[in-house]
PDB file of N, CA and C in Angstrom:
ATOM      1  N   MET A   1     -15.619   3.870   2.366  1.00  0.00           N
ATOM      2  CA  MET A   1     -14.190   4.086   2.406  1.00  0.00           C
ATOM      3  C   MET A   1     -13.833   5.280   1.534  1.00  0.00           C
ATOM      4  N   LEU A   2     -12.979   6.121   2.056  1.00  0.00           N
ATOM      5  CA  LEU A   2     -12.556   7.315   1.347  1.00  0.00           C
ATOM      6  C   LEU A   2     -11.243   7.050   0.635  1.00  0.00           C
ATOM      7  N   VAL A   3     -11.192   7.361  -0.657  1.00  0.00           N
ATOM      8  CA  VAL A   3      -9.956   7.230  -1.413  1.00  0.00           C
ATOM      9  C   VAL A   3      -9.331   8.610  -1.495  1.00  0.00           C
ATOM     10  N   LEU A   4      -8.121   8.723  -1.013  1.00  0.00           N
ATOM     11  CA  LEU A   4      -7.382   9.974  -1.033  1.00  0.00           C
ATOM     12  C   LEU A   4      -7.017  10.372  -2.449  1.00  0.00           C
ATOM     13  N   ALA A   5      -6.932  11.644  -2.688  1.00  0.00           N
ATOM     14  CA  ALA A   5      -6.445  12.127  -3.972  1.00  0.00           C
ATOM     15  C   ALA A   5      -4.949  11.822  -4.071  1.00  0.00           C
ATOM     16  N   ALA A   6      -4.480  11.576  -5.256  1.00  0.00           N
ATOM     17  CA  ALA A   6      -3.060  11.326  -5.477  1.00  0.00           C
ATOM     18  C   ALA A   6      -2.253  12.566  -5.117  1.00  0.00           C
ATOM     19  N   VAL A   7      -1.009  12.376  -4.660  1.00  0.00           N
ATOM     20  CA  VAL A   7      -0.168  13.508  -4.282  1.00  0.00           C
ATOM     21  C   VAL A   7       0.627  14.054  -5.466  1.00  0.00           C
ATOM     22  N   GLY A   8       0.376  13.540  -6.651  1.00  0.00           N
ATOM     23  CA  GLY A   8       1.066  14.003  -7.850  1.00  0.00           C
ATOM     24  C   GLY A   8       0.212  13.780  -9.078  1.00  0.00           C
ATOM     25  N   PRO A   9       0.792  13.993 -10.256  1.00  0.00           N
ATOM     26  CA  PRO A   9       0.038  13.845 -11.506  1.00  0.00           C
ATOM     27  C   PRO A   9      -0.071  12.381 -11.956  1.00  0.00           C
ATOM     28  N   TYR A  10      -0.822  11.615 -11.205  1.00  0.00           N
ATOM     29  CA  TYR A  10      -1.045  10.198 -11.526  1.00  0.00           C
ATOM     30  C   TYR A  10      -2.383   9.758 -10.956  1.00  0.00           C
ATOM     31  N   SER A  11      -2.819   8.584 -11.357  1.00  0.00           N
ATOM     32  CA  SER A  11      -4.075   8.001 -10.867  1.00  0.00           C
ATOM     33  C   SER A  11      -3.796   7.084  -9.692  1.00  0.00           C
ATOM     34  N   GLN A  12      -4.729   6.984  -8.767  1.00  0.00           N
ATOM     35  CA  GLN A  12      -4.591   6.056  -7.647  1.00  0.00           C
ATOM     36  C   GLN A  12      -4.628   4.605  -8.137  1.00  0.00           C
ATOM     37  N   ALA A  13      -5.355   4.369  -9.229  1.00  0.00           N
ATOM     38  CA  ALA A  13      -5.423   3.024  -9.801  1.00  0.00           C
ATOM     39  C   ALA A  13      -5.899   3.128 -11.241  1.00  0.00           C
ATOM     40  N   ILE A  14      -5.489   2.149 -12.012  1.00  0.00           N
ATOM     41  CA  ILE A  14      -5.970   1.988 -13.383  1.00  0.00           C
ATOM     42  C   ILE A  14      -6.577   0.588 -13.466  1.00  0.00           C
ATOM     43  N   LYS A  15      -7.842   0.534 -13.876  1.00  0.00           N
ATOM     44  CA  LYS A  15      -8.529  -0.756 -13.988  1.00  0.00           C
ATOM     45  C   LYS A  15      -8.605  -1.153 -15.452  1.00  0.00           C
ATOM     46  N   THR A  16      -8.134  -2.359 -15.743  1.00  0.00           N
ATOM     47  CA  THR A  16      -8.251  -2.937 -17.076  1.00  0.00           C
ATOM     48  C   THR A  16      -9.180  -4.141 -16.962  1.00  0.00           C
ATOM     49  N   PRO A  17      -9.566  -4.763 -18.070  1.00  0.00           N
ATOM     50  CA  PRO A  17     -10.426  -5.945 -17.966  1.00  0.00           C
ATOM     51  C   PRO A  17      -9.799  -7.088 -17.159  1.00  0.00           C
ATOM     52  N   SER A  18      -8.461  -7.134 -17.100  1.00  0.00           N
ATOM     53  CA  SER A  18      -7.822  -8.268 -16.437  1.00  0.00           C
ATOM     54  C   SER A  18      -7.082  -7.926 -15.143  1.00  0.00           C
ATOM     55  N   ALA A  19      -6.885  -6.644 -14.841  1.00  0.00           N
ATOM     56  CA  ALA A  19      -6.121  -6.297 -13.640  1.00  0.00           C
ATOM     57  C   ALA A  19      -6.410  -4.869 -13.192  1.00  0.00           C
ATOM     58  N   ILE A  20      -6.120  -4.621 -11.910  1.00  0.00           N
ATOM     59  CA  ILE A  20      -6.168  -3.283 -11.332  1.00  0.00           C
ATOM     60  C   ILE A  20      -4.756  -2.973 -10.858  1.00  0.00           C
ATOM     61  N   TYR A  21      -4.183  -1.918 -11.400  1.00  0.00           N
ATOM     62  CA  TYR A  21      -2.829  -1.497 -11.073  1.00  0.00           C
ATOM     63  C   TYR A  21      -2.927  -0.333 -10.093  1.00  0.00           C
ATOM     64  N   CYS A  22      -2.571  -0.576  -8.841  1.00  0.00           N
ATOM     65  CA  CYS A  22      -2.687   0.448  -7.806  1.00  0.00           C
ATOM     66  C   CYS A  22      -1.362   1.159  -7.607  1.00  0.00           C
ATOM     67  N   SER A  23      -1.435   2.473  -7.555  1.00  0.00           N
ATOM     68  CA  SER A  23      -0.254   3.267  -7.245  1.00  0.00           C
ATOM     69  C   SER A  23       0.149   3.042  -5.794  1.00  0.00           C
ATOM     70  N   GLY A  24       1.388   3.388  -5.479  1.00  0.00           N
ATOM     71  CA  GLY A  24       1.879   3.246  -4.119  1.00  0.00           C
ATOM     72  C   GLY A  24       1.082   4.084  -3.142  1.00  0.00           C
ATOM     73  N   GLN A  25       0.795   3.497  -1.998  1.00  0.00           N
ATOM     74  CA  GLN A  25       0.041   4.184  -0.948  1.00  0.00           C
ATOM     75  C   GLN A  25       0.981   4.497   0.209  1.00  0.00           C
ATOM     76  N   LEU A  26       0.913   5.733   0.671  1.00  0.00           N
ATOM     77  CA  LEU A  26       1.708   6.180   1.801  1.00  0.00           C
ATOM     78  C   LEU A  26       0.930   5.955   3.096  1.00  0.00           C
ATOM     79  N   PRO A  27       1.606   5.957   4.236  1.00  0.00           N
ATOM     80  CA  PRO A  27       0.910   5.789   5.520  1.00  0.00           C
ATOM     81  C   PRO A  27       0.213   7.081   5.929  1.00  0.00           C
ATOM     82  N   ALA A  28      -1.014   7.234   5.480  1.00  0.00           N
ATOM     83  CA  ALA A  28      -1.788   8.433   5.781  1.00  0.00           C
ATOM     84  C   ALA A  28      -3.197   8.038   6.188  1.00  0.00           C
ATOM     85  N   ASP A  29      -3.842   8.906   6.969  1.00  0.00           N
ATOM     86  CA  ASP A  29      -5.225   8.653   7.345  1.00  0.00           C
ATOM     87  C   ASP A  29      -6.155   9.099   6.213  1.00  0.00           C
ATOM     88  N   ALA A  30      -7.452   8.947   6.410  1.00  0.00           N
ATOM     89  CA  ALA A  30      -8.440   9.241   5.369  1.00  0.00           C
ATOM     90  C   ALA A  30      -8.459  10.713   4.958  1.00  0.00           C
ATOM     91  N   GLN A  31      -7.901  11.594   5.791  1.00  0.00           N
ATOM     92  CA  GLN A  31      -7.841  13.022   5.458  1.00  0.00           C
ATOM     93  C   GLN A  31      -6.505  13.409   4.823  1.00  0.00           C
ATOM     94  N   GLY A  32      -5.604  12.441   4.679  1.00  0.00           N
ATOM     95  CA  GLY A  32      -4.315  12.716   4.067  1.00  0.00           C
ATOM     96  C   GLY A  32      -3.207  13.069   5.033  1.00  0.00           C
ATOM     97  N   ASN A  33      -3.471  12.991   6.321  1.00  0.00           N
ATOM     98  CA  ASN A  33      -2.444  13.280   7.324  1.00  0.00           C
ATOM     99  C   ASN A  33      -1.518  12.084   7.479  1.00  0.00           C
ATOM    100  N   ILE A  34      -0.229  12.327   7.400  1.00  0.00           N
ATOM    101  CA  ILE A  34       0.764  11.260   7.527  1.00  0.00           C
ATOM    102  C   ILE A  34       0.723  10.685   8.943  1.00  0.00           C
ATOM    103  N   ILE A  35       0.757   9.359   9.038  1.00  0.00           N
ATOM    104  CA  ILE A  35       0.778   8.645  10.319  1.00  0.00           C
ATOM    105  C   ILE A  35       2.224   8.628  10.821  1.00  0.00           C
ATOM    106  N   ASN A  36       2.451   9.097  12.034  1.00  0.00           N
ATOM    107  CA  ASN A  36       3.796   9.152  12.599  1.00  0.00           C
ATOM    108  C   ASN A  36       4.000   8.110  13.688  1.00  0.00           C
ATOM    109  N   GLY A  37       3.279   7.026  13.634  1.00  0.00           N
ATOM    110  CA  GLY A  37       3.372   5.982  14.653  1.00  0.00           C
ATOM    111  C   GLY A  37       4.453   4.964  14.332  1.00  0.00           C
ATOM    112  N   SER A  38       4.266   3.779  14.866  1.00  0.00           N
ATOM    113  CA  SER A  38       5.211   2.681  14.667  1.00  0.00           C
ATOM    114  C   SER A  38       5.133   2.175  13.221  1.00  0.00           C
ATOM    115  N   MET A  39       6.085   1.344  12.857  1.00  0.00           N
ATOM    116  CA  MET A  39       6.056   0.746  11.519  1.00  0.00           C
ATOM    117  C   MET A  39       4.785  -0.082  11.344  1.00  0.00           C
ATOM    118  N   ARG A  40       4.324  -0.743  12.388  1.00  0.00           N
ATOM    119  CA  ARG A  40       3.066  -1.498  12.305  1.00  0.00           C
ATOM    120  C   ARG A  40       1.905  -0.566  11.957  1.00  0.00           C
ATOM    121  N   GLU A  41       1.824   0.576  12.643  1.00  0.00           N
ATOM    122  CA  GLU A  41       0.744   1.528  12.386  1.00  0.00           C
ATOM    123  C   GLU A  41       0.847   2.121  10.981  1.00  0.00           C
ATOM    124  N   ARG A  42       2.054   2.374  10.545  1.00  0.00           N
ATOM    125  CA  ARG A  42       2.245   2.932   9.203  1.00  0.00           C
ATOM    126  C   ARG A  42       1.912   1.900   8.118  1.00  0.00           C
ATOM    127  N   THR A  43       2.319   0.665   8.344  1.00  0.00           N
ATOM    128  CA  THR A  43       1.990  -0.402   7.395  1.00  0.00           C
ATOM    129  C   THR A  43       0.477  -0.590   7.324  1.00  0.00           C
ATOM    130  N   LYS A  44      -0.173  -0.588   8.468  1.00  0.00           N
ATOM    131  CA  LYS A  44      -1.634  -0.710   8.519  1.00  0.00           C
ATOM    132  C   LYS A  44      -2.289   0.410   7.720  1.00  0.00           C
ATOM    133  N   ALA A  45      -1.799   1.643   7.877  1.00  0.00           N
ATOM    134  CA  ALA A  45      -2.371   2.782   7.149  1.00  0.00           C
ATOM    135  C   ALA A  45      -2.195   2.614   5.636  1.00  0.00           C
ATOM    136  N   CYS A  46      -1.037   2.121   5.199  1.00  0.00           N
ATOM    137  CA  CYS A  46      -0.825   1.868   3.764  1.00  0.00           C
ATOM    138  C   CYS A  46      -1.817   0.839   3.244  1.00  0.00           C
ATOM    139  N   LEU A  47      -2.004  -0.223   4.010  1.00  0.00           N
ATOM    140  CA  LEU A  47      -2.899  -1.297   3.579  1.00  0.00           C
ATOM    141  C   LEU A  47      -4.368  -0.864   3.628  1.00  0.00           C
ATOM    142  N   GLN A  48      -4.726  -0.041   4.586  1.00  0.00           N
ATOM    143  CA  GLN A  48      -6.089   0.494   4.616  1.00  0.00           C
ATOM    144  C   GLN A  48      -6.340   1.375   3.383  1.00  0.00           C
ATOM    145  N   ALA A  49      -5.342   2.154   2.993  1.00  0.00           N
ATOM    146  CA  ALA A  49      -5.478   2.989   1.798  1.00  0.00           C
ATOM    147  C   ALA A  49      -5.595   2.124   0.550  1.00  0.00           C
ATOM    148  N   LEU A  50      -4.781   1.074   0.447  1.00  0.00           N
ATOM    149  CA  LEU A  50      -4.890   0.158  -0.695  1.00  0.00           C
ATOM    150  C   LEU A  50      -6.253  -0.506  -0.720  1.00  0.00           C
ATOM    151  N   GLU A  51      -6.745  -0.902   0.449  1.00  0.00           N
ATOM    152  CA  GLU A  51      -8.056  -1.529   0.543  1.00  0.00           C
ATOM    153  C   GLU A  51      -9.133  -0.584  -0.002  1.00  0.00           C
ATOM    154  N   ALA A  52      -9.048   0.697   0.342  1.00  0.00           N
ATOM    155  CA  ALA A  52     -10.030   1.685  -0.136  1.00  0.00           C
ATOM    156  C   ALA A  52      -9.945   1.856  -1.654  1.00  0.00           C
ATOM    157  N   VAL A  53      -8.743   1.920  -2.190  1.00  0.00           N
ATOM    158  CA  VAL A  53      -8.560   2.067  -3.636  1.00  0.00           C
ATOM    159  C   VAL A  53      -9.114   0.845  -4.356  1.00  0.00           C
ATOM    160  N   LEU A  54      -8.790  -0.338  -3.862  1.00  0.00           N
ATOM    161  CA  LEU A  54      -9.293  -1.569  -4.484  1.00  0.00           C
ATOM    162  C   LEU A  54     -10.810  -1.657  -4.389  1.00  0.00           C
ATOM    163  N   HIS A  55     -11.366  -1.305  -3.260  1.00  0.00           N
ATOM    164  CA  HIS A  55     -12.818  -1.329  -3.083  1.00  0.00           C
ATOM    165  C   HIS A  55     -13.489  -0.395  -4.103  1.00  0.00           C
ATOM    166  N   ALA A  56     -12.927   0.799  -4.261  1.00  0.00           N
ATOM    167  CA  ALA A  56     -13.488   1.760  -5.225  1.00  0.00           C
ATOM    168  C   ALA A  56     -13.424   1.228  -6.653  1.00  0.00           C
ATOM    169  N   ALA A  57     -12.448   0.357  -6.910  1.00  0.00           N
ATOM    170  CA  ALA A  57     -12.291  -0.236  -8.246  1.00  0.00           C
ATOM    171  C   ALA A  57     -13.065  -1.548  -8.388  1.00  0.00           C
ATOM    172  N   GLY A  58     -13.812  -1.944  -7.356  1.00  0.00           N
ATOM    173  CA  GLY A  58     -14.600  -3.170  -7.421  1.00  0.00           C
ATOM    174  C   GLY A  58     -13.830  -4.424  -7.074  1.00  0.00           C
ATOM    175  N   SER A  59     -12.742  -4.287  -6.343  1.00  0.00           N
ATOM    176  CA  SER A  59     -11.915  -5.435  -5.989  1.00  0.00           C
ATOM    177  C   SER A  59     -11.700  -5.453  -4.476  1.00  0.00           C
ATOM    178  N   SER A  60     -10.694  -6.210  -4.023  1.00  0.00           N
ATOM    179  CA  SER A  60     -10.417  -6.304  -2.593  1.00  0.00           C
ATOM    180  C   SER A  60      -8.986  -6.770  -2.368  1.00  0.00           C
ATOM    181  N   LEU A  61      -8.545  -6.695  -1.119  1.00  0.00           N
ATOM    182  CA  LEU A  61      -7.208  -7.178  -0.768  1.00  0.00           C
ATOM    183  C   LEU A  61      -7.050  -8.658  -1.096  1.00  0.00           C
ATOM    184  N   ASP A  62      -8.132  -9.423  -1.002  1.00  0.00           N
ATOM    185  CA  ASP A  62      -8.076 -10.864  -1.280  1.00  0.00           C
ATOM    186  C   ASP A  62      -7.787 -11.174  -2.743  1.00  0.00           C
ATOM    187  N   LYS A  63      -7.923 -10.185  -3.609  1.00  0.00           N
ATOM    188  CA  LYS A  63      -7.697 -10.403  -5.035  1.00  0.00           C
ATOM    189  C   LYS A  63      -6.340  -9.889  -5.508  1.00  0.00           C
ATOM    190  N   ILE A  64      -5.499  -9.498  -4.560  1.00  0.00           N
ATOM    191  CA  ILE A  64      -4.148  -9.043  -4.912  1.00  0.00           C
ATOM    192  C   ILE A  64      -3.328 -10.221  -5.429  1.00  0.00           C
ATOM    193  N   VAL A  65      -2.600  -9.978  -6.525  1.00  0.00           N
ATOM    194  CA  VAL A  65      -1.725 -11.012  -7.077  1.00  0.00           C
ATOM    195  C   VAL A  65      -0.242 -10.638  -6.987  1.00  0.00           C
ATOM    196  N   LYS A  66       0.058  -9.352  -6.785  1.00  0.00           N
ATOM    197  CA  LYS A  66       1.446  -8.897  -6.690  1.00  0.00           C
ATOM    198  C   LYS A  66       1.512  -7.670  -5.802  1.00  0.00           C
ATOM    199  N   VAL A  67       2.463  -7.655  -4.883  1.00  0.00           N
ATOM    200  CA  VAL A  67       2.676  -6.526  -3.979  1.00  0.00           C
ATOM    201  C   VAL A  67       4.119  -6.061  -4.113  1.00  0.00           C
ATOM    202  N   GLN A  68       4.310  -4.752  -4.076  1.00  0.00           N
ATOM    203  CA  GLN A  68       5.650  -4.156  -4.055  1.00  0.00           C
ATOM    204  C   GLN A  68       5.708  -3.254  -2.826  1.00  0.00           C
ATOM    205  N   ILE A  69       6.685  -3.494  -1.964  1.00  0.00           N
ATOM    206  CA  ILE A  69       6.844  -2.706  -0.741  1.00  0.00           C
ATOM    207  C   ILE A  69       8.180  -1.976  -0.801  1.00  0.00           C
ATOM    208  N   PHE A  70       8.145  -0.710  -0.433  1.00  0.00           N
ATOM    209  CA  PHE A  70       9.342   0.119  -0.400  1.00  0.00           C
ATOM    210  C   PHE A  70       9.583   0.553   1.042  1.00  0.00           C
ATOM    211  N   LEU A  71      10.778   0.292   1.557  1.00  0.00           N
ATOM    212  CA  LEU A  71      11.168   0.702   2.905  1.00  0.00           C
ATOM    213  C   LEU A  71      12.417   1.572   2.818  1.00  0.00           C
ATOM    214  N   THR A  72      12.527   2.551   3.684  1.00  0.00           N
ATOM    215  CA  THR A  72      13.756   3.344   3.706  1.00  0.00           C
ATOM    216  C   THR A  72      14.815   2.704   4.594  1.00  0.00           C
ATOM    217  N   ASP A  73      14.440   1.686   5.361  1.00  0.00           N
ATOM    218  CA  ASP A  73      15.393   0.996   6.232  1.00  0.00           C
ATOM    219  C   ASP A  73      14.942  -0.452   6.405  1.00  0.00           C
ATOM    220  N   MET A  74      15.763  -1.391   5.966  1.00  0.00           N
ATOM    221  CA  MET A  74      15.401  -2.808   6.078  1.00  0.00           C
ATOM    222  C   MET A  74      15.343  -3.281   7.527  1.00  0.00           C
ATOM    223  N   ALA A  75      15.807  -2.467   8.463  1.00  0.00           N
ATOM    224  CA  ALA A  75      15.648  -2.814   9.879  1.00  0.00           C
ATOM    225  C   ALA A  75      14.164  -2.837  10.262  1.00  0.00           C
ATOM    226  N   ASP A  76      13.319  -2.203   9.454  1.00  0.00           N
ATOM    227  CA  ASP A  76      11.866  -2.190   9.693  1.00  0.00           C
ATOM    228  C   ASP A  76      11.146  -3.382   9.074  1.00  0.00           C
ATOM    229  N   PHE A  77      11.875  -4.255   8.398  1.00  0.00           N
ATOM    230  CA  PHE A  77      11.259  -5.359   7.652  1.00  0.00           C
ATOM    231  C   PHE A  77      10.395  -6.260   8.535  1.00  0.00           C
ATOM    232  N   GLU A  78      10.906  -6.709   9.655  1.00  0.00           N
ATOM    233  CA  GLU A  78      10.166  -7.659  10.499  1.00  0.00           C
ATOM    234  C   GLU A  78       8.872  -7.050  11.037  1.00  0.00           C
ATOM    235  N   GLU A  79       8.947  -5.812  11.488  1.00  0.00           N
ATOM    236  CA  GLU A  79       7.753  -5.163  12.027  1.00  0.00           C
ATOM    237  C   GLU A  79       6.712  -4.938  10.928  1.00  0.00           C
ATOM    238  N   MET A  80       7.187  -4.493   9.749  1.00  0.00           N
ATOM    239  CA  MET A  80       6.274  -4.320   8.611  1.00  0.00           C
ATOM    240  C   MET A  80       5.651  -5.663   8.243  1.00  0.00           C
ATOM    241  N   ASN A  81       6.480  -6.685   8.165  1.00  0.00           N
ATOM    242  CA  ASN A  81       6.029  -8.006   7.732  1.00  0.00           C
ATOM    243  C   ASN A  81       4.981  -8.596   8.670  1.00  0.00           C
ATOM    244  N   SER A  82       5.137  -8.378   9.968  1.00  0.00           N
ATOM    245  CA  SER A  82       4.164  -8.940  10.911  1.00  0.00           C
ATOM    246  C   SER A  82       2.793  -8.268  10.761  1.00  0.00           C
ATOM    247  N   GLU A  83       2.772  -6.971  10.486  1.00  0.00           N
ATOM    248  CA  GLU A  83       1.484  -6.301  10.257  1.00  0.00           C
ATOM    249  C   GLU A  83       0.912  -6.703   8.900  1.00  0.00           C
ATOM    250  N   TYR A  84       1.748  -6.760   7.877  1.00  0.00           N
ATOM    251  CA  TYR A  84       1.332  -7.157   6.530  1.00  0.00           C
ATOM    252  C   TYR A  84       0.639  -8.522   6.567  1.00  0.00           C
ATOM    253  N   ALA A  85       1.206  -9.455   7.330  1.00  0.00           N
ATOM    254  CA  ALA A  85       0.667 -10.823   7.395  1.00  0.00           C
ATOM    255  C   ALA A  85      -0.746 -10.873   7.975  1.00  0.00           C
ATOM    256  N   LYS A  86      -1.117  -9.881   8.775  1.00  0.00           N
ATOM    257  CA  LYS A  86      -2.478  -9.817   9.318  1.00  0.00           C
ATOM    258  C   LYS A  86      -3.495  -9.441   8.242  1.00  0.00           C
ATOM    259  N   TRP A  87      -3.061  -8.702   7.241  1.00  0.00           N
ATOM    260  CA  TRP A  87      -3.947  -8.167   6.211  1.00  0.00           C
ATOM    261  C   TRP A  87      -3.962  -9.009   4.939  1.00  0.00           C
ATOM    262  N   ILE A  88      -2.816  -9.534   4.568  1.00  0.00           N
ATOM    263  CA  ILE A  88      -2.668 -10.269   3.302  1.00  0.00           C
ATOM    264  C   ILE A  88      -2.290 -11.705   3.644  1.00  0.00           C
ATOM    265  N   ARG A  89      -3.289 -12.563   3.726  1.00  0.00           N
ATOM    266  CA  ARG A  89      -3.063 -13.941   4.184  1.00  0.00           C
ATOM    267  C   ARG A  89      -2.878 -14.950   3.051  1.00  0.00           C
ATOM    268  N   HIS A  90      -3.246 -14.598   1.831  1.00  0.00           N
ATOM    269  CA  HIS A  90      -3.228 -15.570   0.739  1.00  0.00           C
ATOM    270  C   HIS A  90      -1.882 -15.645   0.010  1.00  0.00           C
ATOM    271  N   LYS A  91      -0.902 -14.911   0.436  1.00  0.00           N
ATOM    272  CA  LYS A  91       0.475 -14.981  -0.045  1.00  0.00           C
ATOM    273  C   LYS A  91       0.638 -14.729  -1.549  1.00  0.00           C
ATOM    274  N   PRO A  92       0.267 -13.527  -2.012  1.00  0.00           N
ATOM    275  CA  PRO A  92       0.531 -13.196  -3.414  1.00  0.00           C
ATOM    276  C   PRO A  92       2.036 -13.021  -3.630  1.00  0.00           C
ATOM    277  N   ALA A  93       2.447 -12.944  -4.884  1.00  0.00           N
ATOM    278  CA  ALA A  93       3.847 -12.642  -5.182  1.00  0.00           C
ATOM    279  C   ALA A  93       4.171 -11.291  -4.550  1.00  0.00           C
ATOM    280  N   ARG A  94       5.437 -11.112  -4.109  1.00  0.00           N
ATOM    281  CA  ARG A  94       5.777  -9.877  -3.407  1.00  0.00           C
ATOM    282  C   ARG A  94       7.253  -9.565  -3.536  1.00  0.00           C
ATOM    283  N   SER A  95       7.547  -8.291  -3.602  1.00  0.00           N
ATOM    284  CA  SER A  95       8.917  -7.792  -3.530  1.00  0.00           C
ATOM    285  C   SER A  95       8.968  -6.760  -2.420  1.00  0.00           C
ATOM    286  N   CYS A  96      10.102  -6.643  -1.775  1.00  0.00           N
ATOM    287  CA  CYS A  96      10.320  -5.603  -0.770  1.00  0.00           C
ATOM    288  C   CYS A  96      11.735  -5.083  -0.984  1.00  0.00           C
ATOM    289  N   VAL A  97      11.856  -3.798  -1.258  1.00  0.00           N
ATOM    290  CA  VAL A  97      13.162  -3.215  -1.534  1.00  0.00           C
ATOM    291  C   VAL A  97      13.415  -2.008  -0.635  1.00  0.00           C
ATOM    292  N   ALA A  98      14.690  -1.777  -0.370  1.00  0.00           N
ATOM    293  CA  ALA A  98      15.100  -0.590   0.372  1.00  0.00           C
ATOM    294  C   ALA A  98      15.371   0.533  -0.622  1.00  0.00           C
ATOM    295  N   VAL A  99      14.894   1.707  -0.284  1.00  0.00           N
ATOM    296  CA  VAL A  99      15.096   2.886  -1.120  1.00  0.00           C
ATOM    297  C   VAL A  99      15.688   3.995  -0.258  1.00  0.00           C
ATOM    298  N   LYS A 100      16.312   4.958  -0.887  1.00  0.00           N
ATOM    299  CA  LYS A 100      16.942   6.042  -0.135  1.00  0.00           C
ATOM    300  C   LYS A 100      15.926   6.913   0.586  1.00  0.00           C
ATOM    301  N   GLN A 101      14.853   7.288  -0.119  1.00  0.00           N
ATOM    302  CA  GLN A 101      13.801   8.071   0.515  1.00  0.00           C
ATOM    303  C   GLN A 101      12.506   7.915  -0.247  1.00  0.00           C
ATOM    304  N   LEU A 102      11.408   8.311   0.412  1.00  0.00           N
ATOM    305  CA  LEU A 102      10.065   8.206  -0.160  1.00  0.00           C
ATOM    306  C   LEU A 102       9.370   9.564  -0.061  1.00  0.00           C
ATOM    307  N   PRO A 103       8.299   9.760  -0.837  1.00  0.00           N
ATOM    308  CA  PRO A 103       7.577  11.031  -0.783  1.00  0.00           C
ATOM    309  C   PRO A 103       7.116  11.382   0.634  1.00  0.00           C
ATOM    310  N   LYS A 104       7.091  12.669   0.910  1.00  0.00           N
ATOM    311  CA  LYS A 104       6.588  13.213   2.179  1.00  0.00           C
ATOM    312  C   LYS A 104       7.387  12.748   3.390  1.00  0.00           C
ATOM    313  N   GLY A 105       8.594  12.201   3.150  1.00  0.00           N
ATOM    314  CA  GLY A 105       9.459  11.790   4.243  1.00  0.00           C
ATOM    315  C   GLY A 105       9.026  10.534   4.971  1.00  0.00           C
ATOM    316  N   VAL A 106       8.114   9.736   4.373  1.00  0.00           N
ATOM    317  CA  VAL A 106       7.657   8.512   5.034  1.00  0.00           C
ATOM    318  C   VAL A 106       8.701   7.417   4.889  1.00  0.00           C
ATOM    319  N   ASN A 107       8.535   6.335   5.648  1.00  0.00           N
ATOM    320  CA  ASN A 107       9.503   5.243   5.592  1.00  0.00           C
ATOM    321  C   ASN A 107       8.937   3.955   5.002  1.00  0.00           C
ATOM    322  N   VAL A 108       7.692   3.988   4.524  1.00  0.00           N
ATOM    323  CA  VAL A 108       7.084   2.818   3.872  1.00  0.00           C
ATOM    324  C   VAL A 108       6.072   3.281   2.826  1.00  0.00           C
ATOM    325  N   GLU A 109       6.030   2.542   1.732  1.00  0.00           N
ATOM    326  CA  GLU A 109       5.025   2.750   0.676  1.00  0.00           C
ATOM    327  C   GLU A 109       4.708   1.371   0.109  1.00  0.00           C
ATOM    328  N   ILE A 110       3.422   1.133  -0.166  1.00  0.00           N
ATOM    329  CA  ILE A 110       3.010  -0.185  -0.669  1.00  0.00           C
ATOM    330  C   ILE A 110       2.115   0.018  -1.903  1.00  0.00           C
ATOM    331  N   GLU A 111       2.412  -0.757  -2.954  1.00  0.00           N
ATOM    332  CA  GLU A 111       1.594  -0.761  -4.164  1.00  0.00           C
ATOM    333  C   GLU A 111       1.237  -2.200  -4.507  1.00  0.00           C
ATOM    334  N   CYS A 112       0.258  -2.370  -5.389  1.00  0.00           N
ATOM    335  CA  CYS A 112      -0.124  -3.737  -5.741  1.00  0.00           C
ATOM    336  C   CYS A 112      -0.797  -3.811  -7.111  1.00  0.00           C
ATOM    337  N   ILE A 113      -0.935  -5.046  -7.562  1.00  0.00           N
ATOM    338  CA  ILE A 113      -1.728  -5.387  -8.729  1.00  0.00           C
ATOM    339  C   ILE A 113      -2.749  -6.410  -8.247  1.00  0.00           C
ATOM    340  N   ALA A 114      -4.007  -6.197  -8.602  1.00  0.00           N
ATOM    341  CA  ALA A 114      -5.080  -7.100  -8.155  1.00  0.00           C
ATOM    342  C   ALA A 114      -5.972  -7.476  -9.324  1.00  0.00           C
ATOM    343  N   LEU A 115      -6.716  -8.532  -9.137  1.00  0.00           N
ATOM    344  CA  LEU A 115      -7.725  -8.935 -10.119  1.00  0.00           C
ATOM    345  C   LEU A 115      -8.982  -8.109  -9.889  1.00  0.00           C
ATOM    346  N   PRO A 116      -9.720  -7.824 -10.974  1.00  0.00           N
ATOM    347  CA  PRO A 116     -10.963  -7.041 -10.811  1.00  0.00           C
ATOM    348  C   PRO A 116     -12.033  -7.817 -10.051  1.00  0.00           C
TER     349      PRO A 116
END
């Protein structure tokens, strides 16, 4: 799995003895190209990127304990949620908030905290 370089002056993740703090992942492919598909496809791309970051840190999606989702339009909530449920089945704590805009003009960003 390829972990993309951060788009700014920050780390993709910080690993401590008790947790891995993952920065928000945008809907991009392994080469950094933004996905312009449906909300399902964009959500999948965010989760694939998180999966790669967690894998590189020695963890996995199954070890997520907290998720934060940012949407630019809550009308996308149901479509995002249905794709999210395919990837994250163990129901960690989660927040989903609407924001005015996100980096690179995307409409979804997902970050998490996981166990090592």
